[in-house]
Amino acid sequence: MTDSPIFLSLVTILATSQVLARLLRRLGQPPVVGEIIAGFVLGPIVLGALWPDTHARLFSHSVSAGLSAIASLGVVLFTFAVGVEVRQSKDAPLQWNGAACVGLCSVLVPFSLGVAIAPVVYPTMAPTTAGHWPFALFLGTALSVTALPVLARIVKDRGMAGTKVGQLALGAAAAADVLSWGLLLVVVSIAGANNAPGRLGLGHALAGLATLCLVLACVVRPIVAGTLKSQAPGEYPSLPFMAGLLIGLFVCAEVTEWLGLHRVFGAFLFGVALPQDERLARAVSRSVEPLAIVVLMPVFFALAGLSTTPDAFASHSMLLLVLLLSVAIASKLAGGVVGARLVGLGWRDSLTVGTLLNARGLMEIVVIKVGLDAGLIRGELFTILLFMAVATTAMTGPLIAWLREKQIPIAQRG
């Protein structure tokens, strides 16, 4: 046998992810940090460098092809769950105007700075097939991402879900996610139209997307709402209902793939389009999220790790790594602080909001993998942005703990 069985690779991926997630959790980090680091460990930078033969057998071409299908399923289910969470979120019902303002600032500032520094990054980090402006717009989008699921977990773990700061941060993260997905959609549409003349043009792709949104809002949502009344009279929707929901999800994901975009856009739109219903939210969180997050997404992280390269940490790339990491952190903090100040928060509360929005987590991994698949970035920049996702997520918990201690007297006075 020349190839390692795919189940041995799955066991290796899941075991490594769980060990590192538990280890990092003891250090006060969310599990996703350990799972992302597992991708690094299983990639060419660690496993491939120390035991190249083992790495080659575990992730041979045939095995990687099977893992890629599993990872695609995972990212579609995860993005769908995020869309449902954005739609169903009731943690910030009274602060949507303020949240929209903060979310806009937290996207606009890093996006603008990302576009501004693109001329420095483009000559050495862009593929030859990527034009300057698609690359610059993607870089700005990659720096503007916030991970709503990770942020929500941190807010709840720190006991901030019922506070004004926590609610505002959750609402701002939801708004930032929608804006970031919109930017990514435009960038991928432009890149697809430029790089693949045989595919649907940008105008046709956007027209198709608008039609899909109309169908989801005017047809799918009422059907799902009506079916919920008949097939979910109790606390939990029926299995046939969940099967139909997943069929609709996969159809929607394939429609956006056919439009020349990416399956994640269809998955996200399908989740956002569903009616607001607590039973639906519980069903997704209990049946879809555990499978996606515990089993399937670690495979996605492992494949992302396979796309990394040690060249990103070579001397000629280190300056760009420091530049991008500094810009990512400073711009996201600045955007969050400015937005929070505009809606009337004090400086410490504003710093808390900015710090929370700086967590990029696995949403960043999804975005940069889309960029890599679309030919907008090379392996070196993918590796740097993956490192940035880990760093910004890992620093959030300790900073919030410190700011939370400093913030208590102010919160009591407010």
Protein backbone atom coordinates (compact mmCIF):
# COMPACT_ATOMS: atom_id res chain seq x y z
CA MET A 1 0.00 0.00 0.00
CA THR A 2 1.52 3.28 -1.08
CA ASP A 3 -1.02 5.67 0.39
CA SER A 4 -1.95 6.13 4.01
CA PRO A 5 -5.66 5.32 4.59
CA ILE A 6 -7.75 8.44 4.90
CA PHE A 7 -9.06 7.39 8.32
CA LEU A 8 -5.53 7.30 9.71
CA SER A 9 -5.08 10.86 8.47
CA LEU A 10 -8.40 11.85 10.05
CA VAL A 11 -7.40 10.31 13.38
CA THR A 12 -4.08 12.17 13.25
CA ILE A 13 -5.78 15.47 12.46
CA LEU A 14 -8.50 15.17 15.10
CA ALA A 15 -6.14 13.91 17.81
CA THR A 16 -3.61 16.68 17.17
CA SER A 17 -6.37 19.30 17.14
CA GLN A 18 -7.90 18.06 20.40
CA VAL A 19 -4.56 17.83 22.21
CA LEU A 20 -3.53 21.35 21.21
CA ALA A 21 -7.02 22.76 21.83
CA ARG A 22 -7.05 21.36 25.38
CA LEU A 23 -3.51 22.56 25.99
CA LEU A 24 -4.27 26.07 24.79
CA ARG A 25 -7.54 26.12 26.75
CA ARG A 26 -5.55 25.61 29.95
CA LEU A 27 -3.61 28.73 28.98
CA GLY A 28 -6.85 30.71 28.71
CA GLN A 29 -7.17 30.51 24.92
CA PRO A 30 -10.28 29.52 22.92
CA PRO A 31 -10.02 26.02 21.43
CA VAL A 32 -9.89 27.40 17.89
CA VAL A 33 -6.37 28.75 18.54
CA GLY A 34 -5.09 25.24 19.24
CA GLU A 35 -6.95 23.85 16.22
CA ILE A 36 -5.43 26.45 13.90
CA ILE A 37 -1.97 25.79 15.33
CA ALA A 38 -2.57 22.09 14.66
CA GLY A 39 -2.77 23.01 10.98
CA PHE A 40 0.67 24.58 11.24
CA VAL A 41 2.05 21.54 13.07
CA LEU A 42 0.72 19.07 10.48
CA GLY A 43 1.89 21.19 7.55
CA PRO A 44 5.28 21.41 5.84
CA ILE A 45 6.63 23.88 8.42
CA VAL A 46 6.74 21.34 11.30
CA LEU A 47 5.73 17.77 10.41
CA GLY A 48 6.94 18.09 6.83
CA ALA A 49 10.31 19.42 7.98
CA LEU A 50 10.88 16.94 10.83
CA TRP A 51 9.39 13.76 9.32
CA PRO A 52 8.94 14.31 5.58
CA ASP A 53 8.21 10.64 4.80
CA THR A 54 5.44 10.46 7.41
CA HIS A 55 4.02 13.75 6.16
CA ALA A 56 4.05 12.52 2.57
CA ARG A 57 2.21 9.30 3.49
CA LEU A 58 -0.38 10.98 5.70
CA PHE A 59 -1.17 13.66 3.13
CA SER A 60 -0.55 11.98 -0.20
CA HIS A 61 -2.36 13.27 -3.26
CA SER A 62 -5.18 10.72 -3.08
CA VAL A 63 -5.70 11.23 0.66
CA SER A 64 -5.60 15.02 0.31
CA ALA A 65 -8.30 14.84 -2.36
CA GLY A 66 -10.60 12.98 0.04
CA LEU A 67 -9.77 15.37 2.88
CA SER A 68 -10.49 18.31 0.59
CA ALA A 69 -14.06 17.11 0.07
CA ILE A 70 -14.51 16.73 3.83
CA ALA A 71 -13.06 20.20 4.41
CA SER A 72 -15.39 21.72 1.81
CA LEU A 73 -18.37 20.19 3.59
CA GLY A 74 -17.06 21.52 6.90
CA VAL A 75 -16.58 25.09 5.73
CA VAL A 76 -20.04 25.14 4.10
CA LEU A 77 -21.72 23.89 7.29
CA PHE A 78 -19.70 26.26 9.47
CA THR A 79 -20.43 29.30 7.30
CA PHE A 80 -24.10 28.35 7.28
CA ALA A 81 -24.05 28.20 11.10
CA VAL A 82 -22.44 31.64 11.22
CA GLY A 83 -25.16 33.01 8.94
CA VAL A 84 -27.81 31.53 11.21
CA GLU A 85 -26.09 33.04 14.25
CA VAL A 86 -25.99 36.48 12.60
CA ARG A 87 -29.69 36.19 11.71
CA GLN A 88 -30.85 34.75 15.03
CA SER A 89 -28.62 36.80 17.33
CA LYS A 90 -30.63 38.49 20.06
CA ASP A 91 -27.71 39.52 22.21
CA ALA A 92 -27.81 43.12 20.96
CA PRO A 93 -31.44 43.87 20.06
CA LEU A 94 -31.42 47.46 21.22
CA GLN A 95 -28.08 48.58 19.85
CA TRP A 96 -28.21 47.92 16.12
CA ASN A 97 -27.67 51.57 15.13
CA GLY A 98 -24.63 51.85 17.36
CA ALA A 99 -23.45 48.38 16.37
CA ALA A 100 -23.69 49.26 12.68
CA CYS A 101 -21.59 52.37 13.28
CA VAL A 102 -18.93 50.46 15.22
CA GLY A 103 -18.95 47.60 12.71
CA LEU A 104 -18.55 50.00 9.80
CA CYS A 105 -15.60 51.76 11.43
CA SER A 106 -13.96 48.43 12.36
CA VAL A 107 -14.10 47.37 8.70
CA LEU A 108 -13.42 50.67 6.97
CA VAL A 109 -10.19 51.53 8.81
CA PRO A 110 -8.35 48.19 8.29
CA PHE A 111 -9.72 47.87 4.77
CA SER A 112 -8.40 51.32 3.82
CA LEU A 113 -5.00 50.68 5.37
CA GLY A 114 -4.80 47.27 3.73
CA VAL A 115 -5.39 48.83 0.32
CA ALA A 116 -2.87 51.57 1.17
CA ILE A 117 -0.03 49.14 1.96
CA ALA A 118 -0.83 46.83 -0.96
CA PRO A 119 1.81 48.43 -3.25
CA VAL A 120 4.47 47.36 -0.74
CA VAL A 121 3.18 43.78 -0.51
CA TYR A 122 2.10 43.16 -4.11
CA PRO A 123 5.51 42.86 -5.84
CA THR A 124 6.66 39.89 -3.73
CA MET A 125 3.44 38.29 -2.43
CA ALA A 126 0.98 38.37 -5.35
CA PRO A 127 0.63 35.64 -7.99
CA THR A 128 1.51 36.70 -11.52
CA THR A 129 -2.12 36.17 -12.56
CA ALA A 130 -3.52 38.55 -9.93
CA GLY A 131 -3.98 42.18 -10.90
CA HIS A 132 -2.98 44.93 -8.51
CA TRP A 133 -6.47 46.12 -7.63
CA PRO A 134 -8.05 42.71 -6.99
CA PHE A 135 -5.04 41.90 -4.81
CA ALA A 136 -5.24 45.24 -2.96
CA LEU A 137 -8.97 44.92 -2.37
CA PHE A 138 -8.54 41.37 -1.10
CA LEU A 139 -5.74 42.39 1.27
CA GLY A 140 -7.95 45.13 2.69
CA THR A 141 -10.80 42.64 3.09
CA ALA A 142 -8.54 40.09 4.81
CA LEU A 143 -7.45 42.67 7.38
CA SER A 144 -11.02 43.77 8.10
CA VAL A 145 -12.43 40.38 9.20
CA THR A 146 -13.81 39.75 12.70
CA ALA A 147 -14.67 36.26 13.99
CA LEU A 148 -18.19 36.50 15.40
CA PRO A 149 -18.26 32.94 16.83
CA VAL A 150 -14.95 33.38 18.67
CA LEU A 151 -15.95 36.84 19.90
CA ALA A 152 -19.29 35.52 21.14
CA ARG A 153 -17.55 32.74 23.04
CA ILE A 154 -15.12 35.17 24.68
CA VAL A 155 -17.95 37.55 25.63
CA LYS A 156 -19.94 34.73 27.23
CA ASP A 157 -16.93 33.18 28.97
CA ARG A 158 -16.01 36.57 30.48
CA GLY A 159 -19.55 37.18 31.74
CA MET A 160 -20.05 40.18 29.44
CA ALA A 161 -23.09 38.98 27.46
CA GLY A 162 -25.46 41.10 29.54
CA THR A 163 -23.34 44.25 29.50
CA LYS A 164 -23.63 47.18 27.14
CA VAL A 165 -20.04 46.65 25.97
CA GLY A 166 -20.57 42.96 25.26
CA GLN A 167 -23.83 43.52 23.42
CA LEU A 168 -22.36 46.33 21.34
CA ALA A 169 -19.33 44.21 20.41
CA LEU A 170 -21.56 41.29 19.36
CA GLY A 171 -23.75 43.51 17.21
CA ALA A 172 -20.71 45.24 15.70
CA ALA A 173 -19.11 41.86 14.90
CA ALA A 174 -22.29 40.73 13.14
CA ALA A 175 -22.36 43.96 11.11
CA ALA A 176 -18.63 43.63 10.33
CA ASP A 177 -19.12 40.04 9.17
CA VAL A 178 -21.84 41.08 6.73
CA LEU A 179 -19.70 43.93 5.40
CA SER A 180 -16.60 41.74 5.08
CA TRP A 181 -18.50 39.01 3.24
CA GLY A 182 -19.89 41.66 0.90
CA LEU A 183 -16.41 42.99 0.17
CA LEU A 184 -15.06 39.47 -0.36
CA LEU A 185 -17.93 38.72 -2.71
CA VAL A 186 -17.10 41.73 -4.88
CA VAL A 187 -13.37 40.97 -4.90
CA VAL A 188 -13.84 37.30 -5.85
CA SER A 189 -16.33 38.32 -8.55
CA ILE A 190 -13.82 40.76 -10.05
CA ALA A 191 -10.97 38.26 -9.83
CA GLY A 192 -13.09 35.51 -11.41
CA ALA A 193 -14.14 37.77 -14.27
CA ASN A 194 -10.53 38.83 -14.90
CA ASN A 195 -8.83 35.44 -14.55
CA ALA A 196 -11.35 33.16 -16.23
CA PRO A 197 -12.89 34.75 -19.35
CA GLY A 198 -14.96 31.61 -19.98
CA ARG A 199 -16.84 32.00 -16.73
CA LEU A 200 -19.82 34.24 -16.11
CA GLY A 201 -18.95 37.92 -16.23
CA LEU A 202 -19.16 40.13 -13.16
CA GLY A 203 -22.49 41.61 -14.21
CA HIS A 204 -24.08 38.22 -14.81
CA ALA A 205 -22.67 36.84 -11.55
CA LEU A 206 -24.04 39.75 -9.52
CA ALA A 207 -27.39 39.54 -11.32
CA GLY A 208 -27.53 35.84 -10.50
CA LEU A 209 -26.65 36.59 -6.90
CA ALA A 210 -29.39 39.22 -6.67
CA THR A 211 -31.87 36.69 -8.06
CA LEU A 212 -30.73 34.13 -5.49
CA CYS A 213 -31.21 36.64 -2.65
CA LEU A 214 -34.70 37.44 -3.94
CA VAL A 215 -35.62 33.75 -4.09
CA LEU A 216 -34.26 33.17 -0.58
CA ALA A 217 -36.17 36.12 0.87
CA CYS A 218 -39.47 35.71 -0.99
CA VAL A 219 -39.72 31.93 -1.46
CA VAL A 220 -37.38 29.97 0.80
CA ARG A 221 -37.94 31.95 4.01
CA PRO A 222 -41.76 31.70 3.91
CA ILE A 223 -41.57 27.98 3.05
CA VAL A 224 -39.18 27.30 5.94
CA ALA A 225 -41.32 29.36 8.32
CA GLY A 226 -44.46 27.48 7.31
CA THR A 227 -42.74 24.11 7.53
CA LEU A 228 -41.48 24.94 11.00
CA LYS A 229 -45.06 25.43 12.17
CA SER A 230 -46.17 22.07 10.84
CA GLN A 231 -43.07 19.92 11.43
CA ALA A 232 -41.70 21.50 14.57
CA PRO A 233 -44.67 21.83 16.92
CA GLY A 234 -42.46 21.01 19.91
CA GLU A 235 -39.02 22.09 20.96
CA TYR A 236 -37.04 20.51 18.14
CA PRO A 237 -37.60 20.36 14.35
CA SER A 238 -38.18 16.94 12.84
CA LEU A 239 -35.46 14.98 11.05
CA PRO A 240 -37.20 15.35 7.64
CA PHE A 241 -37.23 19.11 8.20
CA MET A 242 -33.48 19.14 8.96
CA ALA A 243 -32.82 16.98 5.89
CA GLY A 244 -34.75 19.43 3.72
CA LEU A 245 -32.87 22.32 5.28
CA LEU A 246 -29.50 20.75 4.44
CA ILE A 247 -30.63 20.02 0.88
CA GLY A 248 -31.55 23.68 0.46
CA LEU A 249 -28.19 24.69 1.93
CA PHE A 250 -26.19 22.53 -0.48
CA VAL A 251 -28.24 23.70 -3.48
CA CYS A 252 -27.65 27.33 -2.50
CA ALA A 253 -23.92 26.69 -2.05
CA GLU A 254 -23.68 25.08 -5.50
CA VAL A 255 -25.57 27.97 -7.11
CA THR A 256 -22.96 30.48 -5.93
CA GLU A 257 -20.20 28.11 -7.03
CA TRP A 258 -21.81 27.95 -10.49
CA LEU A 259 -21.99 31.74 -10.54
CA GLY A 260 -18.18 31.77 -10.33
CA LEU A 261 -18.10 32.84 -6.70
CA HIS A 262 -17.54 30.40 -3.82
CA ARG A 263 -19.75 27.95 -1.96
CA VAL A 264 -19.29 29.85 1.30
CA PHE A 265 -21.33 32.78 -0.02
CA GLY A 266 -24.32 30.58 -0.76
CA ALA A 267 -24.01 28.92 2.64
CA PHE A 268 -23.82 32.25 4.46
CA LEU A 269 -26.73 33.74 2.50
CA PHE A 270 -28.88 30.68 3.15
CA GLY A 271 -28.24 30.95 6.89
CA VAL A 272 -28.98 34.68 6.98
CA ALA A 273 -32.17 34.20 4.94
CA LEU A 274 -33.80 31.75 7.36
CA PRO A 275 -36.60 33.02 9.59
CA GLN A 276 -35.86 34.03 13.15
CA ASP A 277 -36.89 31.09 15.31
CA GLU A 278 -35.32 29.86 18.55
CA ARG A 279 -36.06 26.23 17.69
CA LEU A 280 -34.20 26.58 14.40
CA ALA A 281 -31.25 28.23 16.13
CA ARG A 282 -31.11 25.43 18.72
CA ALA A 283 -31.33 22.75 16.04
CA VAL A 284 -28.41 24.24 14.12
CA SER A 285 -26.32 24.76 17.25
CA ARG A 286 -26.94 21.19 18.49
CA SER A 287 -26.78 19.20 15.26
CA VAL A 288 -24.81 21.15 12.66
CA GLU A 289 -22.24 23.12 14.67
CA PRO A 290 -20.77 20.17 16.65
CA LEU A 291 -20.17 18.17 13.48
CA ALA A 292 -18.72 21.16 11.64
CA ILE A 293 -16.55 22.53 14.44
CA VAL A 294 -15.38 19.34 16.17
CA VAL A 295 -14.92 17.01 13.21
CA LEU A 296 -14.90 18.81 9.88
CA MET A 297 -13.24 22.18 10.51
CA PRO A 298 -10.03 20.63 11.95
CA VAL A 299 -9.66 18.92 8.56
CA PHE A 300 -10.05 22.33 6.94
CA PHE A 301 -7.34 23.73 9.23
CA ALA A 302 -5.05 20.81 8.39
CA LEU A 303 -5.46 21.43 4.67
CA ALA A 304 -4.86 25.12 5.29
CA GLY A 305 -1.66 24.08 7.05
CA LEU A 306 -0.64 22.14 3.94
CA SER A 307 -0.82 25.41 2.00
CA THR A 308 1.66 27.14 4.31
CA THR A 309 5.32 27.54 3.42
CA PRO A 310 8.48 28.09 5.49
CA ASP A 311 9.41 30.86 3.03
CA ALA A 312 7.02 33.17 4.91
CA PHE A 313 9.47 33.19 7.82
CA ALA A 314 12.56 33.79 5.71
CA SER A 315 14.47 37.02 6.24
CA HIS A 316 13.04 38.74 3.16
CA SER A 317 9.46 38.03 4.32
CA MET A 318 9.80 38.83 8.01
CA LEU A 319 9.53 42.57 7.47
CA LEU A 320 6.27 42.09 5.61
CA LEU A 321 5.03 39.78 8.36
CA VAL A 322 5.76 42.43 10.99
CA LEU A 323 4.18 45.14 8.81
CA LEU A 324 0.97 43.20 8.16
CA LEU A 325 0.63 42.07 11.76
CA SER A 326 1.16 45.62 13.06
CA VAL A 327 -1.29 47.13 10.58
CA ALA A 328 -3.87 44.41 11.27
CA ILE A 329 -3.80 44.92 15.04
CA ALA A 330 -3.52 48.72 15.06
CA SER A 331 -6.16 49.32 12.39
CA LYS A 332 -8.74 46.98 13.91
CA LEU A 333 -8.23 48.44 17.39
CA ALA A 334 -8.40 51.98 16.00
CA GLY A 335 -11.55 51.28 14.00
CA GLY A 336 -13.29 49.68 16.98
CA VAL A 337 -12.24 52.44 19.37
CA VAL A 338 -13.30 55.24 17.01
CA GLY A 339 -16.67 53.60 16.40
CA ALA A 340 -17.28 52.99 20.10
CA ARG A 341 -16.32 56.57 20.95
CA LEU A 342 -18.75 57.84 18.29
CA VAL A 343 -21.62 56.02 20.00
CA GLY A 344 -20.73 57.45 23.40
CA LEU A 345 -18.56 54.86 25.19
CA GLY A 346 -15.64 55.86 27.40
CA TRP A 347 -12.04 55.14 26.50
CA ARG A 348 -11.68 51.87 28.42
CA ASP A 349 -14.99 50.51 27.18
CA SER A 350 -14.01 51.55 23.66
CA LEU A 351 -10.67 49.76 23.98
CA THR A 352 -12.54 46.67 25.15
CA VAL A 353 -14.79 46.76 22.07
CA GLY A 354 -11.79 47.31 19.77
CA THR A 355 -9.90 44.43 21.38
CA LEU A 356 -12.85 42.07 20.97
CA LEU A 357 -13.26 43.00 17.31
CA ASN A 358 -9.56 42.31 16.74
CA ALA A 359 -10.19 38.54 17.18
CA ARG A 360 -10.17 37.05 13.69
CA GLY A 361 -10.22 33.33 14.43
CA LEU A 362 -11.41 30.80 11.90
CA MET A 363 -13.39 33.36 9.89
CA GLU A 364 -10.05 34.76 8.77
CA ILE A 365 -8.90 31.26 7.74
CA VAL A 366 -12.02 30.81 5.62
CA VAL A 367 -11.52 34.19 3.94
CA ILE A 368 -7.84 33.74 3.12
CA LYS A 369 -8.45 30.18 1.89
CA VAL A 370 -11.03 31.61 -0.50
CA GLY A 371 -8.40 34.12 -1.65
CA LEU A 372 -5.82 31.37 -2.11
CA ASP A 373 -8.26 29.21 -4.10
CA ALA A 374 -9.21 32.21 -6.25
CA GLY A 375 -5.55 32.86 -7.11
CA LEU A 376 -5.43 36.23 -5.33
CA ILE A 377 -2.55 35.40 -2.96
CA ARG A 378 0.44 33.07 -2.83
CA GLY A 379 1.48 30.59 -0.17
CA GLU A 380 3.81 33.05 1.57
CA LEU A 381 1.08 35.63 2.14
CA PHE A 382 -1.40 32.92 3.07
CA THR A 383 1.02 31.74 5.76
CA ILE A 384 1.55 35.27 7.06
CA LEU A 385 -2.19 35.95 7.24
CA LEU A 386 -2.75 32.60 8.95
CA PHE A 387 -0.16 33.54 11.55
CA MET A 388 -1.91 36.90 11.94
CA ALA A 389 -5.22 35.12 12.58
CA VAL A 390 -3.66 33.05 15.36
CA ALA A 391 -1.87 36.04 16.93
CA THR A 392 -4.87 38.39 16.95
CA THR A 393 -7.15 35.70 18.37
CA ALA A 394 -4.65 34.60 21.04
CA MET A 395 -4.07 38.14 22.30
CA THR A 396 -7.78 38.91 22.73
CA GLY A 397 -8.47 36.88 25.88
CA PRO A 398 -5.54 38.18 27.98
CA LEU A 399 -6.16 41.78 26.91
CA ILE A 400 -9.87 41.53 27.72
CA ALA A 401 -9.05 40.05 31.14
CA TRP A 402 -6.75 42.99 31.86
CA LEU A 403 -9.16 45.62 30.51
CA ARG A 404 -12.08 43.99 32.32
CA GLU A 405 -10.34 44.39 35.66
CA LYS A 406 -9.58 48.02 34.90
CA GLN A 407 -13.09 48.62 33.63
CA ILE A 408 -15.23 47.42 36.56
CA PRO A 409 -15.43 50.75 38.45
CA ILE A 410 -16.41 52.61 35.26
CA ALA A 411 -19.05 50.02 34.37
CA GLN A 412 -20.56 50.35 37.86
CA ARG A 413 -20.81 54.11 37.52
CA GLY A 414 -22.48 53.75 34.08
